[in-house]
Amino acid sequence: FSPDGAVVVTGGEDAMVKLWSAEDGQCLETFVGHSLATKVRAVSCSPEGTLVASGSEDGCVKIWSTTSFACEATLRLETADGVG
């Protein structure tokens, strides 16, 4: 949920992150940018509600703006064996 409880953030097996209205269940926005061959496993809102972080199975964390709906940053996490 967003800090004000008005928006629900989900990530799924389709590699997409979606913002939903908590009031009526309508999809407000879809963020596309994770590899289609991977699943989004974690999502979180910033305390201000202006950013969403999403993490996928390929080791990427993306930071999305909830105002411009653009990907602001991509972090690629390395594993102990250098893959990721």
PDB file of N, CA and C in Angstrom:
ATOM      1  N   PHE A   1       0.833  -1.196   0.000  1.00  0.00           N
ATOM      2  CA  PHE A   1       0.000   0.000   0.000  1.00  0.00           C
ATOM      3  C   PHE A   1       0.870   1.250   0.000  1.00  0.00           C
ATOM      4  N   SER A   2       0.353   2.318  -0.607  1.00  0.00           N
ATOM      5  CA  SER A   2       1.014   3.615  -0.503  1.00  0.00           C
ATOM      6  C   SER A   2       0.857   4.096   0.940  1.00  0.00           C
ATOM      7  N   PRO A   3       1.682   5.064   1.358  1.00  0.00           N
ATOM      8  CA  PRO A   3       1.582   5.536   2.748  1.00  0.00           C
ATOM      9  C   PRO A   3       0.185   6.025   3.150  1.00  0.00           C
ATOM     10  N   ASP A   4      -0.562   6.603   2.207  1.00  0.00           N
ATOM     11  CA  ASP A   4      -1.906   7.100   2.535  1.00  0.00           C
ATOM     12  C   ASP A   4      -2.989   6.027   2.382  1.00  0.00           C
ATOM     13  N   GLY A   5      -2.592   4.821   1.932  1.00  0.00           N
ATOM     14  CA  GLY A   5      -3.546   3.723   1.794  1.00  0.00           C
ATOM     15  C   GLY A   5      -4.421   3.780   0.561  1.00  0.00           C
ATOM     16  N   ALA A   6      -4.208   4.768  -0.307  1.00  0.00           N
ATOM     17  CA  ALA A   6      -5.067   4.945  -1.477  1.00  0.00           C
ATOM     18  C   ALA A   6      -4.668   4.064  -2.653  1.00  0.00           C
ATOM     19  N   VAL A   7      -3.410   3.601  -2.670  1.00  0.00           N
ATOM     20  CA  VAL A   7      -2.899   2.841  -3.817  1.00  0.00           C
ATOM     21  C   VAL A   7      -2.272   1.539  -3.327  1.00  0.00           C
ATOM     22  N   VAL A   8      -2.548   0.474  -4.049  1.00  0.00           N
ATOM     23  CA  VAL A   8      -1.938  -0.831  -3.807  1.00  0.00           C
ATOM     24  C   VAL A   8      -0.921  -1.060  -4.917  1.00  0.00           C
ATOM     25  N   VAL A   9       0.268  -1.517  -4.560  1.00  0.00           N
ATOM     26  CA  VAL A   9       1.321  -1.813  -5.535  1.00  0.00           C
ATOM     27  C   VAL A   9       1.507  -3.316  -5.601  1.00  0.00           C
ATOM     28  N   THR A  10       1.521  -3.857  -6.823  1.00  0.00           N
ATOM     29  CA  THR A  10       1.732  -5.295  -7.002  1.00  0.00           C
ATOM     30  C   THR A  10       2.821  -5.551  -8.030  1.00  0.00           C
ATOM     31  N   GLY A  11       3.466  -6.696  -7.902  1.00  0.00           N
ATOM     32  CA  GLY A  11       4.405  -7.190  -8.901  1.00  0.00           C
ATOM     33  C   GLY A  11       4.029  -8.616  -9.188  1.00  0.00           C
ATOM     34  N   GLY A  12       4.273  -9.063 -10.418  1.00  0.00           N
ATOM     35  CA  GLY A  12       3.790 -10.391 -10.727  1.00  0.00           C
ATOM     36  C   GLY A  12       4.667 -11.216 -11.635  1.00  0.00           C
ATOM     37  N   GLU A  13       4.140 -12.367 -11.990  1.00  0.00           N
ATOM     38  CA  GLU A  13       4.836 -13.309 -12.847  1.00  0.00           C
ATOM     39  C   GLU A  13       4.978 -12.796 -14.273  1.00  0.00           C
ATOM     40  N   ASP A  14       4.258 -11.737 -14.620  1.00  0.00           N
ATOM     41  CA  ASP A  14       4.350 -11.154 -15.962  1.00  0.00           C
ATOM     42  C   ASP A  14       5.439 -10.091 -16.057  1.00  0.00           C
ATOM     43  N   ALA A  15       6.273  -9.951 -15.008  1.00  0.00           N
ATOM     44  CA  ALA A  15       7.391  -9.001 -14.946  1.00  0.00           C
ATOM     45  C   ALA A  15       6.925  -7.544 -14.867  1.00  0.00           C
ATOM     46  N   MET A  16       5.672  -7.315 -14.586  1.00  0.00           N
ATOM     47  CA  MET A  16       5.151  -5.944 -14.514  1.00  0.00           C
ATOM     48  C   MET A  16       4.849  -5.541 -13.083  1.00  0.00           C
ATOM     49  N   VAL A  17       4.941  -4.241 -12.850  1.00  0.00           N
ATOM     50  CA  VAL A  17       4.580  -3.640 -11.570  1.00  0.00           C
ATOM     51  C   VAL A  17       3.360  -2.777 -11.842  1.00  0.00           C
ATOM     52  N   LYS A  18       2.339  -2.918 -11.002  1.00  0.00           N
ATOM     53  CA  LYS A  18       1.102  -2.167 -11.246  1.00  0.00           C
ATOM     54  C   LYS A  18       0.682  -1.397 -10.002  1.00  0.00           C
ATOM     55  N   LEU A  19       0.096  -0.236 -10.254  1.00  0.00           N
ATOM     56  CA  LEU A  19      -0.518   0.586  -9.210  1.00  0.00           C
ATOM     57  C   LEU A  19      -2.028   0.454  -9.364  1.00  0.00           C
ATOM     58  N   TRP A  20      -2.698   0.165  -8.259  1.00  0.00           N
ATOM     59  CA  TRP A  20      -4.147  -0.049  -8.253  1.00  0.00           C
ATOM     60  C   TRP A  20      -4.815   0.901  -7.274  1.00  0.00           C
ATOM     61  N   SER A  21      -5.994   1.361  -7.613  1.00  0.00           N
ATOM     62  CA  SER A  21      -6.798   2.153  -6.693  1.00  0.00           C
ATOM     63  C   SER A  21      -7.335   1.235  -5.600  1.00  0.00           C
ATOM     64  N   ALA A  22      -7.052   1.566  -4.349  1.00  0.00           N
ATOM     65  CA  ALA A  22      -7.572   0.770  -3.240  1.00  0.00           C
ATOM     66  C   ALA A  22      -9.084   0.960  -3.095  1.00  0.00           C
ATOM     67  N   GLU A  23      -9.584   2.061  -3.615  1.00  0.00           N
ATOM     68  CA  GLU A  23     -11.016   2.355  -3.485  1.00  0.00           C
ATOM     69  C   GLU A  23     -11.868   1.539  -4.448  1.00  0.00           C
ATOM     70  N   ASP A  24     -11.472   1.515  -5.738  1.00  0.00           N
ATOM     71  CA  ASP A  24     -12.335   0.852  -6.714  1.00  0.00           C
ATOM     72  C   ASP A  24     -11.658  -0.286  -7.488  1.00  0.00           C
ATOM     73  N   GLY A  25     -10.381  -0.566  -7.205  1.00  0.00           N
ATOM     74  CA  GLY A  25      -9.690  -1.679  -7.841  1.00  0.00           C
ATOM     75  C   GLY A  25      -9.231  -1.443  -9.270  1.00  0.00           C
ATOM     76  N   GLN A  26      -9.358  -0.230  -9.748  1.00  0.00           N
ATOM     77  CA  GLN A  26      -8.920   0.092 -11.107  1.00  0.00           C
ATOM     78  C   GLN A  26      -7.396   0.154 -11.192  1.00  0.00           C
ATOM     79  N   CYS A  27      -6.839  -0.339 -12.302  1.00  0.00           N
ATOM     80  CA  CYS A  27      -5.400  -0.219 -12.534  1.00  0.00           C
ATOM     81  C   CYS A  27      -5.101   1.230 -12.920  1.00  0.00           C
ATOM     82  N   LEU A  28      -4.224   1.868 -12.159  1.00  0.00           N
ATOM     83  CA  LEU A  28      -3.885   3.270 -12.393  1.00  0.00           C
ATOM     84  C   LEU A  28      -2.680   3.425 -13.312  1.00  0.00           C
ATOM     85  N   GLU A  29      -1.739   2.490 -13.208  1.00  0.00           N
ATOM     86  CA  GLU A  29      -0.519   2.578 -14.009  1.00  0.00           C
ATOM     87  C   GLU A  29       0.153   1.208 -14.040  1.00  0.00           C
ATOM     88  N   THR A  30       0.835   0.923 -15.146  1.00  0.00           N
ATOM     89  CA  THR A  30       1.626  -0.293 -15.289  1.00  0.00           C
ATOM     90  C   THR A  30       3.051   0.100 -15.629  1.00  0.00           C
ATOM     91  N   PHE A  31       3.994  -0.373 -14.835  1.00  0.00           N
ATOM     92  CA  PHE A  31       5.411  -0.127 -15.082  1.00  0.00           C
ATOM     93  C   PHE A  31       5.986  -1.344 -15.799  1.00  0.00           C
ATOM     94  N   VAL A  32       6.583  -1.125 -16.952  1.00  0.00           N
ATOM     95  CA  VAL A  32       7.193  -2.193 -17.738  1.00  0.00           C
ATOM     96  C   VAL A  32       8.682  -1.908 -17.821  1.00  0.00           C
ATOM     97  N   GLY A  33       9.509  -2.891 -17.517  1.00  0.00           N
ATOM     98  CA  GLY A  33      10.947  -2.665 -17.601  1.00  0.00           C
ATOM     99  C   GLY A  33      11.774  -3.817 -17.077  1.00  0.00           C
ATOM    100  N   HIS A  34      11.166  -4.678 -16.261  1.00  0.00           N
ATOM    101  CA  HIS A  34      11.881  -5.873 -15.821  1.00  0.00           C
ATOM    102  C   HIS A  34      11.945  -6.859 -16.985  1.00  0.00           C
ATOM    103  N   SER A  35      12.951  -7.708 -16.973  1.00  0.00           N
ATOM    104  CA  SER A  35      13.103  -8.740 -17.997  1.00  0.00           C
ATOM    105  C   SER A  35      11.852  -9.603 -18.039  1.00  0.00           C
ATOM    106  N   LEU A  36      11.330  -9.834 -19.234  1.00  0.00           N
ATOM    107  CA  LEU A  36      10.094 -10.608 -19.372  1.00  0.00           C
ATOM    108  C   LEU A  36      10.250 -12.059 -18.956  1.00  0.00           C
ATOM    109  N   ALA A  37      11.477 -12.532 -18.866  1.00  0.00           N
ATOM    110  CA  ALA A  37      11.713 -13.925 -18.489  1.00  0.00           C
ATOM    111  C   ALA A  37      11.795 -14.111 -16.974  1.00  0.00           C
ATOM    112  N   THR A  38      11.493 -13.076 -16.219  1.00  0.00           N
ATOM    113  CA  THR A  38      11.628 -13.146 -14.764  1.00  0.00           C
ATOM    114  C   THR A  38      10.354 -12.669 -14.078  1.00  0.00           C
ATOM    115  N   LYS A  39      10.237 -12.966 -12.803  1.00  0.00           N
ATOM    116  CA  LYS A  39       9.077 -12.557 -12.014  1.00  0.00           C
ATOM    117  C   LYS A  39       9.476 -11.437 -11.070  1.00  0.00           C
ATOM    118  N   VAL A  40       8.562 -10.495 -10.855  1.00  0.00           N
ATOM    119  CA  VAL A  40       8.770  -9.457  -9.842  1.00  0.00           C
ATOM    120  C   VAL A  40       8.370 -10.074  -8.507  1.00  0.00           C
ATOM    121  N   ARG A  41       9.308 -10.113  -7.571  1.00  0.00           N
ATOM    122  CA  ARG A  41       9.084 -10.799  -6.299  1.00  0.00           C
ATOM    123  C   ARG A  41       8.862  -9.864  -5.117  1.00  0.00           C
ATOM    124  N   ALA A  42       9.241  -8.580  -5.256  1.00  0.00           N
ATOM    125  CA  ALA A  42       9.101  -7.656  -4.122  1.00  0.00           C
ATOM    126  C   ALA A  42       8.788  -6.261  -4.636  1.00  0.00           C
ATOM    127  N   VAL A  43       7.916  -5.561  -3.916  1.00  0.00           N
ATOM    128  CA  VAL A  43       7.607  -4.156  -4.208  1.00  0.00           C
ATOM    129  C   VAL A  43       7.477  -3.401  -2.894  1.00  0.00           C
ATOM    130  N   SER A  44       7.811  -2.122  -2.928  1.00  0.00           N
ATOM    131  CA  SER A  44       7.694  -1.284  -1.733  1.00  0.00           C
ATOM    132  C   SER A  44       7.569   0.171  -2.140  1.00  0.00           C
ATOM    133  N   CYS A  45       6.790   0.932  -1.374  1.00  0.00           N
ATOM    134  CA  CYS A  45       6.643   2.373  -1.596  1.00  0.00           C
ATOM    135  C   CYS A  45       7.572   3.138  -0.678  1.00  0.00           C
ATOM    136  N   SER A  46       8.049   4.284  -1.156  1.00  0.00           N
ATOM    137  CA  SER A  46       8.823   5.173  -0.290  1.00  0.00           C
ATOM    138  C   SER A  46       7.883   5.792   0.739  1.00  0.00           C
ATOM    139  N   PRO A  47       8.425   6.287   1.855  1.00  0.00           N
ATOM    140  CA  PRO A  47       7.567   6.893   2.892  1.00  0.00           C
ATOM    141  C   PRO A  47       6.725   8.060   2.382  1.00  0.00           C
ATOM    142  N   GLU A  48       7.219   8.765   1.367  1.00  0.00           N
ATOM    143  CA  GLU A  48       6.470   9.903   0.810  1.00  0.00           C
ATOM    144  C   GLU A  48       5.462   9.465  -0.243  1.00  0.00           C
ATOM    145  N   GLY A  49       5.612   8.212  -0.741  1.00  0.00           N
ATOM    146  CA  GLY A  49       4.722   7.711  -1.776  1.00  0.00           C
ATOM    147  C   GLY A  49       5.095   8.152  -3.176  1.00  0.00           C
ATOM    148  N   THR A  50       6.250   8.789  -3.349  1.00  0.00           N
ATOM    149  CA  THR A  50       6.648   9.297  -4.666  1.00  0.00           C
ATOM    150  C   THR A  50       7.491   8.315  -5.465  1.00  0.00           C
ATOM    151  N   LEU A  51       7.969   7.255  -4.808  1.00  0.00           N
ATOM    152  CA  LEU A  51       8.788   6.253  -5.479  1.00  0.00           C
ATOM    153  C   LEU A  51       8.304   4.857  -5.111  1.00  0.00           C
ATOM    154  N   VAL A  52       8.478   3.939  -6.048  1.00  0.00           N
ATOM    155  CA  VAL A  52       8.211   2.528  -5.824  1.00  0.00           C
ATOM    156  C   VAL A  52       9.469   1.766  -6.200  1.00  0.00           C
ATOM    157  N   ALA A  53       9.881   0.846  -5.344  1.00  0.00           N
ATOM    158  CA  ALA A  53      10.999  -0.039  -5.656  1.00  0.00           C
ATOM    159  C   ALA A  53      10.435  -1.417  -5.972  1.00  0.00           C
ATOM    160  N   SER A  54      10.994  -2.057  -6.994  1.00  0.00           N
ATOM    161  CA  SER A  54      10.569  -3.414  -7.347  1.00  0.00           C
ATOM    162  C   SER A  54      11.799  -4.274  -7.584  1.00  0.00           C
ATOM    163  N   GLY A  55      11.740  -5.497  -7.091  1.00  0.00           N
ATOM    164  CA  GLY A  55      12.850  -6.430  -7.250  1.00  0.00           C
ATOM    165  C   GLY A  55      12.401  -7.672  -7.987  1.00  0.00           C
ATOM    166  N   SER A  56      13.234  -8.112  -8.924  1.00  0.00           N
ATOM    167  CA  SER A  56      12.880  -9.289  -9.721  1.00  0.00           C
ATOM    168  C   SER A  56      13.903 -10.403  -9.543  1.00  0.00           C
ATOM    169  N   GLU A  57      13.546 -11.573 -10.036  1.00  0.00           N
ATOM    170  CA  GLU A  57      14.384 -12.754  -9.878  1.00  0.00           C
ATOM    171  C   GLU A  57      15.737 -12.650 -10.573  1.00  0.00           C
ATOM    172  N   ASP A  58      15.879 -11.752 -11.536  1.00  0.00           N
ATOM    173  CA  ASP A  58      17.150 -11.623 -12.249  1.00  0.00           C
ATOM    174  C   ASP A  58      18.164 -10.755 -11.503  1.00  0.00           C
ATOM    175  N   GLY A  59      17.841 -10.351 -10.278  1.00  0.00           N
ATOM    176  CA  GLY A  59      18.761  -9.557  -9.474  1.00  0.00           C
ATOM    177  C   GLY A  59      18.679  -8.066  -9.713  1.00  0.00           C
ATOM    178  N   CYS A  60      17.659  -7.614 -10.424  1.00  0.00           N
ATOM    179  CA  CYS A  60      17.496  -6.176 -10.686  1.00  0.00           C
ATOM    180  C   CYS A  60      16.481  -5.572  -9.724  1.00  0.00           C
ATOM    181  N   VAL A  61      16.834  -4.395  -9.224  1.00  0.00           N
ATOM    182  CA  VAL A  61      15.906  -3.575  -8.450  1.00  0.00           C
ATOM    183  C   VAL A  61      15.689  -2.311  -9.259  1.00  0.00           C
ATOM    184  N   LYS A  62      14.440  -1.982  -9.509  1.00  0.00           N
ATOM    185  CA  LYS A  62      14.112  -0.771 -10.264  1.00  0.00           C
ATOM    186  C   LYS A  62      13.400   0.208  -9.343  1.00  0.00           C
ATOM    187  N   ILE A  63      13.720   1.480  -9.522  1.00  0.00           N
ATOM    188  CA  ILE A  63      13.079   2.561  -8.776  1.00  0.00           C
ATOM    189  C   ILE A  63      12.209   3.333  -9.757  1.00  0.00           C
ATOM    190  N   TRP A  64      10.919   3.387  -9.458  1.00  0.00           N
ATOM    191  CA  TRP A  64       9.936   4.019 -10.338  1.00  0.00           C
ATOM    192  C   TRP A  64       9.382   5.283  -9.696  1.00  0.00           C
ATOM    193  N   SER A  65       9.152   6.315 -10.489  1.00  0.00           N
ATOM    194  CA  SER A  65       8.503   7.537 -10.021  1.00  0.00           C
ATOM    195  C   SER A  65       6.992   7.370 -10.128  1.00  0.00           C
ATOM    196  N   THR A  66       6.273   7.720  -9.074  1.00  0.00           N
ATOM    197  CA  THR A  66       4.812   7.652  -9.119  1.00  0.00           C
ATOM    198  C   THR A  66       4.206   8.944  -9.658  1.00  0.00           C
ATOM    199  N   THR A  67       5.054   9.906 -10.012  1.00  0.00           N
ATOM    200  CA  THR A  67       4.549  11.143 -10.617  1.00  0.00           C
ATOM    201  C   THR A  67       4.805  11.176 -12.120  1.00  0.00           C
ATOM    202  N   SER A  68       6.015  10.784 -12.553  1.00  0.00           N
ATOM    203  CA  SER A  68       6.314  10.762 -13.994  1.00  0.00           C
ATOM    204  C   SER A  68       6.078   9.383 -14.593  1.00  0.00           C
ATOM    205  N   PHE A  69       5.936   8.352 -13.733  1.00  0.00           N
ATOM    206  CA  PHE A  69       5.741   6.957 -14.135  1.00  0.00           C
ATOM    207  C   PHE A  69       6.918   6.414 -14.944  1.00  0.00           C
ATOM    208  N   ALA A  70       8.096   6.979 -14.705  1.00  0.00           N
ATOM    209  CA  ALA A  70       9.311   6.549 -15.393  1.00  0.00           C
ATOM    210  C   ALA A  70      10.214   5.777 -14.436  1.00  0.00           C
ATOM    211  N   CYS A  71      11.062   4.933 -14.998  1.00  0.00           N
ATOM    212  CA  CYS A  71      12.072   4.249 -14.203  1.00  0.00           C
ATOM    213  C   CYS A  71      13.197   5.244 -13.929  1.00  0.00           C
ATOM    214  N   GLU A  72      13.422   5.537 -12.665  1.00  0.00           N
ATOM    215  CA  GLU A  72      14.440   6.521 -12.271  1.00  0.00           C
ATOM    216  C   GLU A  72      15.820   5.903 -12.127  1.00  0.00           C
ATOM    217  N   ALA A  73      15.887   4.612 -11.801  1.00  0.00           N
ATOM    218  CA  ALA A  73      17.179   3.942 -11.614  1.00  0.00           C
ATOM    219  C   ALA A  73      16.992   2.436 -11.687  1.00  0.00           C
ATOM    220  N   THR A  74      18.067   1.762 -12.099  1.00  0.00           N
ATOM    221  CA  THR A  74      18.108   0.305 -12.086  1.00  0.00           C
ATOM    222  C   THR A  74      19.378  -0.123 -11.372  1.00  0.00           C
ATOM    223  N   LEU A  75      19.226  -0.957 -10.382  1.00  0.00           N
ATOM    224  CA  LEU A  75      20.361  -1.506  -9.640  1.00  0.00           C
ATOM    225  C   LEU A  75      20.468  -2.979  -9.981  1.00  0.00           C
ATOM    226  N   ARG A  76      21.642  -3.392 -10.388  1.00  0.00           N
ATOM    227  CA  ARG A  76      21.867  -4.800 -10.685  1.00  0.00           C
ATOM    228  C   ARG A  76      22.691  -5.397  -9.554  1.00  0.00           C
ATOM    229  N   LEU A  77      22.138  -6.358  -8.866  1.00  0.00           N
ATOM    230  CA  LEU A  77      22.790  -6.945  -7.713  1.00  0.00           C
ATOM    231  C   LEU A  77      23.639  -8.133  -8.143  1.00  0.00           C
ATOM    232  N   GLU A  78      24.861  -8.155  -7.677  1.00  0.00           N
ATOM    233  CA  GLU A  78      25.778  -9.254  -7.961  1.00  0.00           C
ATOM    234  C   GLU A  78      25.609 -10.347  -6.913  1.00  0.00           C
ATOM    235  N   THR A  79      25.732 -11.574  -7.342  1.00  0.00           N
ATOM    236  CA  THR A  79      25.711 -12.690  -6.408  1.00  0.00           C
ATOM    237  C   THR A  79      27.149 -13.057  -6.061  1.00  0.00           C
ATOM    238  N   ALA A  80      27.335 -13.947  -5.144  1.00  0.00           N
ATOM    239  CA  ALA A  80      28.682 -14.337  -4.705  1.00  0.00           C
ATOM    240  C   ALA A  80      29.514 -14.909  -5.857  1.00  0.00           C
ATOM    241  N   ASP A  81      28.845 -15.523  -6.846  1.00  0.00           N
ATOM    242  CA  ASP A  81      29.587 -16.087  -7.964  1.00  0.00           C
ATOM    243  C   ASP A  81      29.714 -15.116  -9.139  1.00  0.00           C
ATOM    244  N   GLY A  82      29.305 -13.832  -8.927  1.00  0.00           N
ATOM    245  CA  GLY A  82      29.441 -12.818  -9.945  1.00  0.00           C
ATOM    246  C   GLY A  82      28.312 -12.791 -10.964  1.00  0.00           C
ATOM    247  N   VAL A  83      27.306 -13.611 -10.781  1.00  0.00           N
ATOM    248  CA  VAL A  83      26.167 -13.647 -11.694  1.00  0.00           C
ATOM    249  C   VAL A  83      25.034 -12.852 -11.092  1.00  0.00           C
ATOM    250  N   GLY A  84      24.335 -12.105 -11.915  1.00  0.00           N
ATOM    251  CA  GLY A  84      23.193 -11.368 -11.388  1.00  0.00           C
ATOM    252  C   GLY A  84      22.928 -10.092 -12.062  1.00  0.00           C
TER     253      GLY A  84
END
